[in-house]
Each structure stands twice: as C-alpha cells, then as structure tokens.
C-alpha cells in the first residue's frame, strides 16, 4: 500500500484543481494565485511540519483547499490595493471573494469562506469565542505559506487583533492538539465541550480557570473590534440582568411562563383546527395578505406546520426551564455571565486591558506545560515538546514582541524550561554540559529560541576567556549565534565537556 502522503500526489491534485478551475469563472490571475498557493504549500511543508510537528498531512491540507474552492467559492475578484482598503472581503452566501493579488490573502479568504456562520448565535460568549476561533483557525491554516518559504521561518501576522486571535487559537492547539480542536470548533456547545476537553487532560480547576480567561479575552477583543460590537455586548448584559431579576422572583417567573405556555397551547389548537379542515385552509388562504405572502396553499400549510413546531419547542423549553434542576442551573449560569460581563465592563476602559488579559491567559497556558513534562517519558514525546515550547516562544503577541520577549512571562517561561531541561537530561535526550544546574540551563536553554529548522543538528563549542564562558551554537558548520556568561573558577570545574570542542547537544 502507498504511504498516506503519496496517495494524493502532486500530479493528481494538479489534474483535480485544473478540472475544477475549468468550471469556475475565475480570471487567469485568480487561477495563477491558486496554483501558486498549492506550489508554495508543496515547497514549505517539510519545514512547516518540522517546526510545528502537530499539523495535518500535506495531502489533507490540499484536499481541504480544493474542497473549499469547489463548494464555497464561485467568484474570485482580484482588486487593486491602491483603490481598496480591505485585503479581502468574503460574501459566504453568494460565494464571492474580493481579494488583493496576493497568495496569503487569497488563502485566508478561502478559509474564511468556510468558517462557522455566527449570525444566529444568540449567546455573546459563544459568539465571541467562535469569532476568535474562526479567525484564529484561518490564520493558523495560512501559516504554511505566510511564515515558511522553503528556507526560513518567520512570523508575519499583520495586525494586533489578528495576533491576539492567533495566540488564543495556538494556546488551544497546544492544550488540546490539532485533531481535538478541529472537531471542537464544529461542535454545538463550544464552551461546555471546551471545558470538558481541558478537564480531561488538565483537571477541573485548570479547565474552569482557562475557559473563564478565554471567555474574558475573546469578549474584550470582540468589543475592541467595533463600537457596534461594544453596544451588542452592553445590550446582552442588560438583557441578562433583566432575565436574572425576573428569575430571582420564582413565583412570578413560573406564573409568567405558565401564561406564555397557555397562550402557545391556544395558538397550537387554532393551527390544528385549520390544518384538519381543507375548507378552512382554503378560506384562510383566500385572504389577500395571506395569498400575496405565501403564493400557494402548500406554502401556507408549510408555514402553519413550522409555526406549530416553533410554538411546541417554546412550550417544551419553558416546561424544562421551570423544572427544579433546570431552574437552578439557569440561575447559576446567568449569575456567572452577568458577573463576568460586569468585570469586563470595569476593565475595558483601562489602558491595555486586552493585552493584560492575554498575558494572564498565557501564564495559565504555560502552567499546563508542566503536566506534559510530568507525563512524557518517551524520547520522541520529549523532543516534540522541545519543538512545541520553541514554537510557543516565537508566537507574536503585539508589535515586534513575541512570547520570549514578554517581560511579564519571563519567570514563568524560565521555570518551565528549567523543569523541561532537567527532564530531558534525566531521560538522556540532550547531553549534560555542567554539574551545576544553573550553568547547565544557561548553556542548553538555546534549544528553545534557535531558529534552526531541525533542532537536532545544534552543535555547541564552549570557550573560556578570563572569567567568561562563551557558548557558540552551530547549525552543522554555520555559526548561528553566540552568548557568554560570567563564571567563577570553581564554576569552570563543574563543566563536563571539553573547552574548544564542537559537541552535539542531542544524544
């Protein structure tokens, strides 16, 4: 049997995409951009899958793009960057994309065209989280051609909001893995399922804390996108406060629901009476306003049947809502939502409120690495964890700052990386360069910030000059970086490797 990665060969997808493009009304420039996207993925995948090991197969990535082009995109209009502000616009309903003549922008637009539709999402928490995950997923999927070009790896996300959305998405990728997160995004109850998945791996306390922080970050970002979003959140808070007030007076709440249910029951009885009588349906249909609206008797009957179903659903929901268990559950949920939104309302006006919340979330994510360090014992698992920590270090936060540059996270990252290096040395994944724990860490911590695609190739030369230890790091024969630390004479005696000798870091 063929290897999974060769089942869908380049020749096969070339033929498939050409057949699809022949049936699409794309101009030559749009077609050329699509073919360039596939070519760049083919070139970049090797480095991409090495730097970020938990990724989809190349064949799966290409299949997904072809599927989007075939089913979610009928028109690609290339626009002039000098005359249009937005890099791309997506009309999901009409399956139209307007985009700059750029492969990255087009690929991002294609992924946006298949994101979950949020127009019917009533709960503002779900809406804010799914907005973050939709945008974060698109940014994540386009990373292969945005940040990898066949010989180097760079993080090129263009604006602050996108950096935040990407960071939240990457946090969840680290916590849950690619497959689990992809399935989670497709599920209905995102917050409950997210909490349950994190609980399974990291425990109930971590799950509660992480989901609350994710909710807070997502809503704060959502508010900052536009004044319309801000008004939407404020109205949602006002509505929930009113609902909680009504809910708190249990007798009035039950009486109100009972009245509503009785009214709906009467409406259902009237609809049933009409549906049972052919003569009555025809009589009702002859009314001018009904005939103009529904055109045919069949359409009118469908309307009545749908109205009946909707009212029956409301009755069932209302009946469940006043059951003791559901009543208490709903009241607790409302109290929680109102309290979170009130807190968000307080911090929103503060300077850097989103950034501050994002950093708090990162501290909690970093704490989850300890669980992985604790349970991973196989060499392959631990090597993958090095890549994961290195990748996390280079996630952009804002402006030119990445996780590794954030002062507020310095202690958290250092403590976690120390713990990991200790485990790597104990399990003979990397070599020990000094008997002194701190000096050993200072020499080895470079594995978490190197930009070498293949970390396993790192070589180190230790050099002594007066009371300084110089560390030179090589990618085979090429010097990539060098650092030095001050040591006392006794510290040099703690070194376990010879000076001026090129040594492989990995055993």
Protein backbone atom coordinates (compact mmCIF):
# COMPACT_ATOMS: atom_id res chain seq x y z
CA UNK A 1 0.00 0.00 0.00
CA UNK A 2 1.24 3.52 -0.74
CA UNK A 3 2.31 5.88 2.01
CA UNK A 4 -0.51 8.22 3.11
CA UNK A 5 1.44 11.21 1.86
CA UNK A 6 1.74 9.80 -1.67
CA UNK A 7 -1.88 8.68 -2.13
CA UNK A 8 -2.75 12.19 -3.24
CA UNK A 9 0.29 13.04 -5.35
CA UNK A 10 1.17 16.44 -6.79
CA UNK A 11 0.23 15.23 -10.28
CA UNK A 12 -3.16 14.06 -9.03
CA UNK A 13 -4.04 17.32 -7.31
CA UNK A 14 -2.78 19.31 -10.31
CA UNK A 15 -5.23 17.41 -12.50
CA UNK A 16 -8.06 17.75 -9.97
CA UNK A 17 -7.62 21.50 -9.44
CA UNK A 18 -7.36 22.15 -13.19
CA UNK A 19 -10.65 20.31 -13.75
CA UNK A 20 -12.35 22.41 -11.06
CA UNK A 21 -10.86 25.69 -12.34
CA UNK A 22 -12.14 24.91 -15.85
CA UNK A 23 -15.69 25.09 -14.47
CA UNK A 24 -15.15 28.26 -12.42
CA UNK A 25 -15.46 31.81 -13.68
CA UNK A 26 -12.07 32.87 -12.34
CA UNK A 27 -9.78 35.04 -14.42
CA UNK A 28 -6.22 33.99 -15.24
CA UNK A 29 -4.74 35.98 -12.35
CA UNK A 30 -7.00 34.25 -9.79
CA UNK A 31 -6.20 30.83 -11.27
CA UNK A 32 -2.49 31.62 -11.17
CA UNK A 33 -2.72 32.62 -7.48
CA UNK A 34 -4.46 29.34 -6.62
CA UNK A 35 -1.80 27.28 -8.40
CA UNK A 36 0.92 29.33 -6.66
CA UNK A 37 -0.70 28.56 -3.29
CA UNK A 38 -0.52 24.82 -3.96
CA UNK A 39 3.07 25.11 -5.19
CA UNK A 40 4.14 27.07 -2.09
CA UNK A 41 2.48 24.52 0.21
CA UNK A 42 4.38 21.75 -1.56
CA UNK A 43 7.68 23.59 -1.08
CA UNK A 44 7.11 24.77 2.51
CA UNK A 45 5.51 21.68 4.03
CA UNK A 46 8.73 19.90 5.03
CA UNK A 47 9.96 22.80 7.20
CA UNK A 48 6.43 23.63 8.42
CA UNK A 49 5.77 20.10 9.66
CA UNK A 50 9.18 20.03 11.38
CA UNK A 51 8.86 23.35 13.19
CA UNK A 52 5.23 22.71 14.11
CA UNK A 53 5.01 18.95 14.37
CA UNK A 54 1.25 18.65 15.16
CA UNK A 55 -0.07 19.50 11.69
CA UNK A 56 -2.33 17.96 9.06
CA UNK A 57 -0.85 15.82 6.31
CA UNK A 58 0.08 17.80 3.21
CA UNK A 59 -2.44 15.81 1.19
CA UNK A 60 -5.19 16.72 3.68
CA UNK A 61 -4.29 20.43 3.53
CA UNK A 62 -4.50 20.39 -0.27
CA UNK A 63 -7.72 18.35 -0.31
CA UNK A 64 -9.35 20.86 2.07
CA UNK A 65 -8.36 23.82 -0.14
CA UNK A 66 -9.66 22.11 -3.28
CA UNK A 67 -12.92 21.28 -1.49
CA UNK A 68 -13.36 24.94 -0.44
CA UNK A 69 -12.72 26.17 -4.00
CA UNK A 70 -15.18 23.63 -5.41
CA UNK A 71 -18.04 24.13 -2.92
CA UNK A 72 -17.61 27.51 -1.18
CA UNK A 73 -16.27 29.84 -3.86
CA UNK A 74 -17.84 30.70 -7.21
CA UNK A 75 -16.27 34.13 -7.85
CA UNK A 76 -12.78 35.46 -7.11
CA UNK A 77 -12.40 39.13 -7.94
CA UNK A 78 -8.83 40.47 -7.80
CA UNK A 79 -8.90 44.09 -6.56
CA UNK A 80 -6.36 46.91 -6.81
CA UNK A 81 -4.62 47.58 -3.44
CA UNK A 82 -4.39 51.28 -4.36
CA UNK A 83 -8.17 51.65 -4.63
CA UNK A 84 -9.45 49.27 -1.93
CA UNK A 85 -8.70 49.30 1.81
CA UNK A 86 -9.53 45.70 2.82
CA UNK A 87 -7.07 42.98 1.82
CA UNK A 88 -10.01 40.68 1.25
CA UNK A 89 -13.80 40.54 1.61
CA UNK A 90 -15.86 37.35 1.73
CA UNK A 91 -19.55 37.01 0.90
CA UNK A 92 -20.37 33.48 2.12
CA UNK A 93 -23.97 33.49 0.90
CA UNK A 94 -23.08 34.50 -2.66
CA UNK A 95 -19.75 32.61 -2.54
CA UNK A 96 -17.82 35.69 -3.68
CA UNK A 97 -14.27 36.64 -2.68
CA UNK A 98 -12.72 40.05 -3.36
CA UNK A 99 -9.01 40.00 -2.67
CA UNK A 100 -5.65 41.70 -3.22
CA UNK A 101 -3.41 39.93 -5.78
CA UNK A 102 -1.61 38.01 -3.03
CA UNK A 103 -1.48 34.26 -2.26
CA UNK A 104 -1.61 34.69 1.54
CA UNK A 105 -4.65 36.98 1.40
CA UNK A 106 -6.45 34.67 -1.02
CA UNK A 107 -5.78 31.55 1.05
CA UNK A 108 -7.00 33.30 4.20
CA UNK A 109 -10.14 34.43 2.37
CA UNK A 110 -10.78 30.88 1.16
CA UNK A 111 -10.60 29.55 4.72
CA UNK A 112 -12.87 32.38 5.95
CA UNK A 113 -15.46 31.31 3.36
CA UNK A 114 -15.88 28.00 5.21
CA UNK A 115 -15.97 29.27 8.81
CA UNK A 116 -18.99 28.72 11.04
CA UNK A 117 -21.80 31.24 10.44
CA UNK A 118 -22.40 33.25 13.64
CA UNK A 119 -25.44 35.32 12.62
CA UNK A 120 -27.83 33.09 14.55
CA UNK A 121 -25.60 32.80 17.64
CA UNK A 122 -27.53 34.46 20.46
CA UNK A 123 -25.15 33.90 23.37
CA UNK A 124 -22.45 36.60 23.30
CA UNK A 125 -19.89 34.30 24.95
CA UNK A 126 -20.26 31.66 22.21
CA UNK A 127 -20.23 34.39 19.54
CA UNK A 128 -17.01 35.99 20.86
CA UNK A 129 -15.25 32.63 21.27
CA UNK A 130 -16.31 31.37 17.83
CA UNK A 131 -15.24 34.67 16.24
CA UNK A 132 -11.81 34.15 17.80
CA UNK A 133 -11.64 30.50 16.73
CA UNK A 134 -12.86 31.22 13.18
CA UNK A 135 -10.25 33.91 12.66
CA UNK A 136 -7.58 32.03 14.58
CA UNK A 137 -8.15 28.88 12.54
CA UNK A 138 -7.87 30.78 9.24
CA UNK A 139 -4.65 32.44 10.44
CA UNK A 140 -3.32 29.06 11.52
CA UNK A 141 -4.16 27.36 8.21
CA UNK A 142 -2.50 30.08 6.12
CA UNK A 143 0.67 29.94 8.23
CA UNK A 144 2.30 27.37 5.94
CA UNK A 145 2.71 29.90 3.10
CA UNK A 146 2.74 33.06 5.24
CA UNK A 147 5.63 32.11 7.55
CA UNK A 148 7.53 29.40 5.64
CA UNK A 149 9.19 29.88 2.27
CA UNK A 150 11.35 26.79 1.84
CA UNK A 151 14.44 28.05 3.64
CA UNK A 152 13.35 30.17 6.61
CA UNK A 153 10.65 30.54 9.26
CA UNK A 154 9.18 33.94 10.23
CA UNK A 155 6.01 35.12 11.98
CA UNK A 156 4.31 37.65 9.70
CA UNK A 157 0.84 38.27 11.17
CA UNK A 158 -0.10 41.78 10.17
CA UNK A 159 -2.11 43.45 12.98
CA UNK A 160 -2.68 43.40 16.73
CA UNK A 161 -6.18 41.88 16.69
CA UNK A 162 -5.05 39.05 14.41
CA UNK A 163 -2.04 38.40 16.66
CA UNK A 164 -4.37 38.06 19.65
CA UNK A 165 -6.75 35.75 17.79
CA UNK A 166 -3.86 33.64 16.54
CA UNK A 167 -2.39 33.45 20.05
CA UNK A 168 -5.67 32.22 21.58
CA UNK A 169 -6.03 29.61 18.82
CA UNK A 170 -2.42 28.45 19.25
CA UNK A 171 -2.95 28.26 23.03
CA UNK A 172 -5.81 25.83 22.44
CA UNK A 173 -3.76 23.88 19.87
CA UNK A 174 -1.05 23.43 22.50
CA UNK A 175 -3.56 22.47 25.18
CA UNK A 176 -5.69 20.07 23.10
CA UNK A 177 -3.91 19.16 19.87
CA UNK A 178 -4.90 19.74 16.25
CA UNK A 179 -7.46 16.94 15.82
CA UNK A 180 -9.36 17.62 19.07
CA UNK A 181 -9.53 21.38 18.44
CA UNK A 182 -10.69 20.92 14.82
CA UNK A 183 -13.56 18.68 15.98
CA UNK A 184 -14.38 21.04 18.85
CA UNK A 185 -14.91 24.00 16.52
CA UNK A 186 -17.54 22.01 14.63
CA UNK A 187 -19.48 21.13 17.81
CA UNK A 188 -22.61 22.94 19.01
CA UNK A 189 -21.94 23.76 22.67
CA UNK A 190 -18.46 25.23 22.36
CA UNK A 191 -17.93 26.36 25.98
CA UNK A 192 -19.20 23.17 27.62
CA UNK A 193 -17.23 20.95 25.24
CA UNK A 194 -14.11 23.10 25.60
CA UNK A 195 -14.33 22.87 29.41
CA UNK A 196 -14.83 19.09 29.28
CA UNK A 197 -11.86 18.53 26.95
CA UNK A 198 -9.48 20.65 29.04
CA UNK A 199 -10.81 18.95 32.20
CA UNK A 200 -9.97 15.51 30.75
CA UNK A 201 -6.31 16.45 30.33
CA UNK A 202 -5.52 19.11 32.94
CA UNK A 203 -8.20 18.72 35.62
CA UNK A 204 -11.37 20.57 36.63
CA UNK A 205 -9.69 23.55 38.34
CA UNK A 206 -7.47 24.34 35.33
CA UNK A 207 -10.40 23.86 32.94
CA UNK A 208 -12.60 26.35 34.83
CA UNK A 209 -9.81 28.94 35.07
CA UNK A 210 -8.72 28.58 31.44
CA UNK A 211 -12.22 28.78 29.96
CA UNK A 212 -13.06 31.88 32.04
CA UNK A 213 -9.85 33.56 30.86
CA UNK A 214 -10.54 32.59 27.24
CA UNK A 215 -14.10 33.98 27.54
CA UNK A 216 -12.77 37.24 29.01
CA UNK A 217 -10.08 37.67 26.33
CA UNK A 218 -12.45 36.85 23.46
CA UNK A 219 -15.14 39.27 24.64
CA UNK A 220 -12.62 42.07 25.26
CA UNK A 221 -11.19 41.63 21.75
CA UNK A 222 -14.72 41.43 20.30
CA UNK A 223 -15.62 44.76 21.98
CA UNK A 224 -12.45 46.38 20.66
CA UNK A 225 -13.21 45.48 17.03
CA UNK A 226 -16.07 47.99 16.68
CA UNK A 227 -18.50 50.25 18.55
CA UNK A 228 -21.31 48.04 17.16
CA UNK A 229 -19.84 45.03 18.96
CA UNK A 230 -19.49 47.04 22.15
CA UNK A 231 -23.19 48.04 22.04
CA UNK A 232 -24.12 44.40 21.38
CA UNK A 233 -22.26 43.23 24.49
CA UNK A 234 -23.74 46.01 26.66
CA UNK A 235 -27.27 45.13 25.48
CA UNK A 236 -26.64 41.44 26.16
CA UNK A 237 -25.56 42.30 29.72
CA UNK A 238 -28.66 44.45 30.21
CA UNK A 239 -30.94 41.67 28.92
CA UNK A 240 -29.33 39.07 31.17
CA UNK A 241 -29.58 41.34 34.21
CA UNK A 242 -33.30 41.73 33.48
CA UNK A 243 -33.72 37.98 33.00
CA UNK A 244 -31.88 37.30 36.26
CA UNK A 245 -34.10 39.82 38.04
CA UNK A 246 -37.20 38.04 36.72
CA UNK A 247 -35.74 34.65 37.57
CA UNK A 248 -34.98 35.70 41.14
CA UNK A 249 -38.72 36.11 41.82
CA UNK A 250 -39.53 32.44 41.30
CA UNK A 251 -43.32 32.60 41.73
CA UNK A 252 -43.69 35.46 39.22
CA UNK A 253 -41.29 33.73 36.83
CA UNK A 254 -43.29 30.49 36.88
CA UNK A 255 -46.59 32.40 36.53
CA UNK A 256 -45.22 34.31 33.51
CA UNK A 257 -44.05 31.12 31.81
CA UNK A 258 -47.37 29.40 32.54
CA UNK A 259 -49.26 32.28 30.91
CA UNK A 260 -46.94 32.12 27.88
CA UNK A 261 -47.37 28.35 27.60
CA UNK A 262 -51.16 28.60 27.81
CA UNK A 263 -51.17 31.21 25.05
CA UNK A 264 -48.99 29.00 22.84
CA UNK A 265 -51.23 25.99 23.53
CA UNK A 266 -54.25 28.01 22.35
CA UNK A 267 -52.34 29.06 19.23
CA UNK A 268 -51.45 25.41 18.51
CA UNK A 269 -55.14 24.43 18.91
CA UNK A 270 -56.13 27.10 16.36
CA UNK A 271 -53.42 25.92 13.92
CA UNK A 272 -54.54 22.28 14.38
CA UNK A 273 -58.14 23.25 13.63
CA UNK A 274 -57.09 24.95 10.39
CA UNK A 275 -54.81 22.08 9.29
CA UNK A 276 -57.57 19.50 9.89
CA UNK A 277 -60.07 21.32 7.65
CA UNK A 278 -59.37 21.64 3.93
CA UNK A 279 -62.23 24.14 3.60
CA UNK A 280 -60.85 26.30 6.42
CA UNK A 281 -57.35 26.32 4.89
CA UNK A 282 -58.77 27.40 1.53
CA UNK A 283 -60.90 30.09 3.20
CA UNK A 284 -57.90 31.50 5.13
CA UNK A 285 -55.70 31.35 2.03
CA UNK A 286 -58.15 33.48 0.03
CA UNK A 287 -57.43 36.45 2.31
CA UNK A 288 -55.46 38.97 0.25
CA UNK A 289 -52.49 39.41 2.60
CA UNK A 290 -52.02 35.62 3.07
CA UNK A 291 -52.29 34.83 -0.63
CA UNK A 292 -49.77 37.58 -1.54
CA UNK A 293 -47.31 36.37 1.10
CA UNK A 294 -47.40 32.60 0.53
CA UNK A 295 -48.42 32.35 -3.17
CA UNK A 296 -49.68 28.72 -2.89
CA UNK A 297 -51.81 26.76 -0.42
CA UNK A 298 -48.92 24.30 0.02
CA UNK A 299 -46.60 27.12 1.12
CA UNK A 300 -49.25 28.35 3.55
CA UNK A 301 -49.66 24.84 5.02
CA UNK A 302 -45.86 24.56 5.46
CA UNK A 303 -45.87 27.91 7.26
CA UNK A 304 -48.59 26.72 9.66
CA UNK A 305 -46.77 23.45 10.35
CA UNK A 306 -43.49 25.29 11.03
CA UNK A 307 -45.27 27.78 13.31
CA UNK A 308 -46.78 24.85 15.23
CA UNK A 309 -43.35 23.23 15.66
CA UNK A 310 -41.80 26.51 16.89
CA UNK A 311 -44.54 27.05 19.49
CA UNK A 312 -44.26 23.44 20.65
CA UNK A 313 -40.49 23.88 21.06
CA UNK A 314 -41.07 27.03 23.14
CA UNK A 315 -43.54 25.14 25.37
CA UNK A 316 -41.08 22.27 25.88
CA UNK A 317 -38.22 24.67 26.63
CA UNK A 318 -40.37 26.65 29.06
CA UNK A 319 -41.52 23.48 30.82
CA UNK A 320 -37.90 22.36 31.21
CA UNK A 321 -36.88 25.82 32.40
CA UNK A 322 -39.22 25.71 35.42
CA UNK A 323 -38.18 22.23 36.50
CA UNK A 324 -36.17 22.49 39.77
CA UNK A 325 -32.87 21.27 38.25
CA UNK A 326 -33.01 23.45 35.12
CA UNK A 327 -34.19 26.47 37.12
CA UNK A 328 -31.18 26.32 39.46
CA UNK A 329 -28.81 25.60 36.53
CA UNK A 330 -30.12 28.58 34.51
CA UNK A 331 -29.95 30.92 37.51
CA UNK A 332 -26.33 29.97 38.22
CA UNK A 333 -25.42 30.39 34.54
CA UNK A 334 -27.00 33.85 34.42
CA UNK A 335 -25.29 34.92 37.66
CA UNK A 336 -21.94 33.78 36.24
CA UNK A 337 -22.41 35.52 32.88
CA UNK A 338 -23.59 38.77 34.47
CA UNK A 339 -20.65 38.81 36.89
CA UNK A 340 -18.08 38.13 34.14
CA UNK A 341 -19.55 40.84 31.88
CA UNK A 342 -19.66 43.36 34.74
CA UNK A 343 -15.97 42.68 35.42
CA UNK A 344 -15.18 43.05 31.72
CA UNK A 345 -17.11 46.33 31.65
CA UNK A 346 -14.92 47.58 34.51
CA UNK A 347 -11.58 46.60 32.94
CA UNK A 348 -12.49 47.55 29.36
CA UNK A 349 -11.81 51.25 29.87
CA UNK A 350 -8.39 50.58 31.37
CA UNK A 351 -5.30 51.02 29.21
CA UNK A 352 -4.05 47.78 27.60
CA UNK A 353 -6.98 45.78 29.02
CA UNK A 354 -6.83 43.17 26.23
CA UNK A 355 -3.05 42.80 26.46
CA UNK A 356 -3.19 42.40 30.26
CA UNK A 357 -5.87 39.69 30.00
CA UNK A 358 -3.96 37.92 27.20
CA UNK A 359 -0.84 37.79 29.39
CA UNK A 360 -2.80 36.31 32.32
CA UNK A 361 -4.11 33.64 29.93
CA UNK A 362 -0.53 32.87 28.77
CA UNK A 363 0.62 32.35 32.36
CA UNK A 364 -2.10 29.74 32.78
CA UNK A 365 -1.18 28.07 29.46
CA UNK A 366 2.48 27.95 30.47
CA UNK A 367 1.48 26.22 33.72
CA UNK A 368 -0.11 23.44 31.61
CA UNK A 369 3.28 22.59 30.08
CA UNK A 370 4.22 21.13 33.49
CA UNK A 371 1.57 18.43 33.01
CA UNK A 372 3.16 17.44 29.70
CA UNK A 373 6.65 17.45 31.22
CA UNK A 374 5.36 15.23 34.01
CA UNK A 375 3.65 12.60 31.83
CA UNK A 376 6.00 12.50 28.80
CA UNK A 377 8.74 9.86 29.09
CA UNK A 378 9.39 8.63 25.55
CA UNK A 379 12.26 10.33 23.73
CA UNK A 380 10.06 11.20 20.73
CA UNK A 381 7.44 12.83 23.01
CA UNK A 382 10.09 14.90 24.79
CA UNK A 383 11.75 16.01 21.53
CA UNK A 384 8.32 17.06 20.22
CA UNK A 385 7.80 19.01 23.43
CA UNK A 386 11.04 20.93 22.77
CA UNK A 387 9.68 21.91 19.35
CA UNK A 388 6.35 22.89 20.91
CA UNK A 389 7.98 25.14 23.54
CA UNK A 390 10.27 26.67 20.88
CA UNK A 391 7.25 27.33 18.63
CA UNK A 392 5.35 28.88 21.56
CA UNK A 393 8.32 31.16 22.32
CA UNK A 394 8.03 32.67 18.84
CA UNK A 395 4.29 33.33 18.84
CA UNK A 396 3.73 37.04 18.14
CA UNK A 397 1.92 39.00 20.88
CA UNK A 398 1.98 42.61 19.71
CA UNK A 399 4.19 44.98 17.71
CA UNK A 400 7.58 43.26 17.38
CA UNK A 401 7.24 41.30 20.62
CA UNK A 402 6.95 37.53 20.82
CA UNK A 403 6.26 35.35 23.86
CA UNK A 404 10.01 35.07 24.56
CA UNK A 405 10.27 38.89 24.70
CA UNK A 406 7.41 39.48 27.17
CA UNK A 407 8.85 40.64 30.48
CA UNK A 408 5.76 39.59 32.45
CA UNK A 409 6.22 35.97 31.29
CA UNK A 410 9.96 35.75 31.81
CA UNK A 411 9.87 33.96 35.19
CA UNK A 412 7.08 31.58 34.13
CA UNK A 413 8.91 30.59 30.94
CA UNK A 414 12.28 30.23 32.68
CA UNK A 415 10.90 27.98 35.43
CA UNK A 416 9.02 25.79 32.97
CA UNK A 417 12.02 25.50 30.62
CA UNK A 418 14.32 24.63 33.54
CA UNK A 419 11.95 21.83 34.50
CA UNK A 420 11.90 20.54 30.92
CA UNK A 421 15.69 20.65 30.52
CA UNK A 422 16.06 18.69 33.73
CA UNK A 423 13.67 16.03 32.37
CA UNK A 424 15.49 15.98 29.01
CA UNK A 425 18.85 15.41 30.71
CA UNK A 426 17.44 12.75 33.04
CA UNK A 427 15.97 10.88 30.06
CA UNK A 428 19.19 11.21 28.03
CA UNK A 429 17.55 13.24 25.26
CA UNK A 430 20.11 16.06 25.46
CA UNK A 431 23.63 15.97 26.92
CA UNK A 432 24.70 17.40 30.29
CA UNK A 433 27.25 20.20 29.95
CA UNK A 434 27.72 21.11 33.60
CA UNK A 435 27.13 19.51 37.01
CA UNK A 436 25.82 22.88 38.13
CA UNK A 437 22.08 23.01 37.46
CA UNK A 438 22.01 26.76 36.65
CA UNK A 439 25.05 26.71 34.34
CA UNK A 440 23.70 23.65 32.54
CA UNK A 441 20.43 25.51 31.94
CA UNK A 442 22.24 28.62 30.66
CA UNK A 443 24.07 26.51 28.08
CA UNK A 444 21.12 24.36 26.98
CA UNK A 445 18.25 26.87 27.01
CA UNK A 446 19.20 27.93 23.48
CA UNK A 447 17.22 24.96 22.16
CA UNK A 448 14.06 26.95 22.99
CA UNK A 449 14.98 30.01 20.91
CA UNK A 450 17.06 28.70 18.00
CA UNK A 451 15.66 29.44 14.54
CA UNK A 452 17.24 26.30 13.07
CA UNK A 453 14.52 24.27 11.37
CA UNK A 454 15.98 20.99 12.68
CA UNK A 455 16.90 21.42 16.35
CA UNK A 456 18.66 18.05 16.46
CA UNK A 457 21.52 19.49 14.39
CA UNK A 458 22.63 22.00 17.05
CA UNK A 459 26.33 21.85 17.89
CA UNK A 460 27.97 23.78 20.76
CA UNK A 461 31.51 24.99 21.33
CA UNK A 462 32.41 26.20 24.83
CA UNK A 463 35.24 28.72 25.07
CA UNK A 464 36.91 30.25 28.11
CA UNK A 465 38.24 33.79 28.27
CA UNK A 466 39.19 35.21 31.68
CA UNK A 467 36.08 34.64 33.81
CA UNK A 468 33.69 34.37 30.90
CA UNK A 469 32.24 31.25 29.33
CA UNK A 470 31.43 31.75 25.65
CA UNK A 471 28.83 29.46 24.02
CA UNK A 472 28.84 29.26 20.23
CA UNK A 473 25.89 27.49 18.57
CA UNK A 474 26.27 25.96 15.12
CA UNK A 475 23.91 24.58 12.53
CA UNK A 476 26.40 21.95 11.38
CA UNK A 477 29.27 24.20 10.16
CA UNK A 478 27.41 27.52 10.21
CA UNK A 479 27.63 29.70 13.32
CA UNK A 480 24.07 30.72 14.20
CA UNK A 481 24.58 32.61 17.48
CA UNK A 482 26.86 33.08 20.44
CA UNK A 483 26.45 34.21 24.05
CA UNK A 484 28.58 34.49 27.15
CA UNK A 485 28.10 34.27 30.90
CA UNK A 486 30.33 35.26 33.82
CA UNK A 487 31.68 32.36 35.89
CA UNK A 488 33.98 31.88 38.83
CA UNK A 489 36.95 29.50 38.60
CA UNK A 490 35.08 26.85 40.58
CA UNK A 491 32.23 27.04 38.08
CA UNK A 492 34.52 26.07 35.22
CA UNK A 493 35.43 22.94 37.18
CA UNK A 494 31.75 21.93 37.07
CA UNK A 495 31.78 21.67 33.26
CA UNK A 496 31.51 18.11 31.96
CA UNK A 497 32.60 18.87 28.39
CA UNK A 498 35.95 19.89 26.95
CA UNK A 499 36.62 23.52 26.05
CA UNK A 500 37.09 24.43 22.35
CA UNK A 501 35.49 21.25 21.09
CA UNK A 502 32.37 21.14 18.90
CA UNK A 503 29.80 18.97 20.73
CA UNK A 504 26.36 17.77 19.61
CA UNK A 505 23.68 18.89 22.05
CA UNK A 506 21.35 15.93 21.41
CA UNK A 507 22.48 12.46 22.46
